[in-house]
Amino acid sequence: MENVPALLKSKRFWVSILGLIAIIVSAFEPTLATRFNEIVPAVLVIVGFLVGGYSLEDAVTASKAPKE
């Protein structure tokens, strides 16, 4: 339970949740359901790029931090 506040502050977590919501909405919305097979890969690519970008940003920030 001690990791929950850190999880709620994580950009990667919120991007993943929004991607999941987008996929669920596209599955159940009748106008989007016809394009479901196109929407899911697009959402996964976008989420993957964002999560990878945030991870790269964190790695660069950590490498620039002063070493003890």
Protein backbone atom coordinates (compact mmCIF):
# COMPACT_ATOMS: atom_id res chain seq x y z
CA MET A 1 0.00 0.00 0.00
CA GLU A 2 2.96 2.33 0.42
CA ASN A 3 3.49 2.42 -3.37
CA VAL A 4 -0.03 3.68 -4.15
CA PRO A 5 0.78 7.42 -3.80
CA ALA A 6 3.79 7.02 -6.10
CA LEU A 7 1.66 5.09 -8.58
CA LEU A 8 -1.01 7.80 -8.62
CA LYS A 9 1.68 10.41 -9.41
CA SER A 10 3.14 8.34 -12.26
CA LYS A 11 2.66 9.70 -15.79
CA ARG A 12 3.18 6.20 -17.19
CA PHE A 13 0.33 4.85 -15.06
CA TRP A 14 -2.13 7.55 -16.17
CA VAL A 15 -1.20 7.20 -19.85
CA SER A 16 -1.82 3.45 -19.57
CA ILE A 17 -5.18 3.99 -17.86
CA LEU A 18 -6.27 6.49 -20.53
CA GLY A 19 -5.22 4.05 -23.25
CA LEU A 20 -7.25 1.31 -21.62
CA ILE A 21 -10.27 3.60 -21.36
CA ALA A 22 -9.92 4.54 -25.04
CA ILE A 23 -9.86 0.87 -26.04
CA ILE A 24 -12.88 0.03 -23.86
CA VAL A 25 -14.88 2.99 -25.19
CA SER A 26 -14.05 2.08 -28.78
CA ALA A 27 -15.22 -1.48 -28.15
CA PHE A 28 -18.62 -0.48 -26.82
CA GLU A 29 -19.39 2.68 -28.80
CA PRO A 30 -21.32 1.53 -31.89
CA THR A 31 -19.84 4.15 -34.21
CA LEU A 32 -16.30 3.26 -33.16
CA ALA A 33 -16.82 -0.50 -32.92
CA THR A 34 -16.58 -0.83 -36.70
CA ARG A 35 -13.04 0.61 -36.55
CA PHE A 36 -11.99 -1.31 -33.42
CA ASN A 37 -9.33 -3.31 -35.29
CA GLU A 38 -7.70 -0.04 -36.37
CA ILE A 39 -8.11 1.88 -33.11
CA VAL A 40 -6.49 -0.67 -30.80
CA PRO A 41 -3.10 -0.81 -32.56
CA ALA A 42 -3.06 2.99 -32.86
CA VAL A 43 -3.75 3.43 -29.15
CA LEU A 44 -1.13 0.83 -28.25
CA VAL A 45 1.50 2.56 -30.39
CA ILE A 46 0.71 5.96 -28.89
CA VAL A 47 0.76 4.63 -25.33
CA GLY A 48 3.98 2.75 -26.04
CA PHE A 49 5.70 5.85 -27.38
CA LEU A 50 4.55 7.97 -24.45
CA VAL A 51 5.59 5.42 -21.83
CA GLY A 52 8.93 4.93 -23.57
CA GLY A 53 9.44 8.68 -23.78
CA TYR A 54 8.69 9.15 -20.09
CA SER A 55 11.07 6.31 -19.24
CA LEU A 56 13.79 7.86 -21.39
CA GLU A 57 13.17 11.23 -19.75
CA ASP A 58 13.52 9.66 -16.29
CA ALA A 59 16.73 7.89 -17.33
CA VAL A 60 18.28 11.11 -18.62
CA THR A 61 17.25 12.97 -15.47
CA ALA A 62 18.73 10.22 -13.28
CA SER A 63 21.99 10.24 -15.21
CA LYS A 64 22.34 14.00 -14.74
CA ALA A 65 21.72 13.79 -10.99
CA PRO A 66 24.76 14.43 -8.84
CA LYS A 67 26.44 11.24 -7.74
CA GLU A 68 27.19 10.69 -4.09
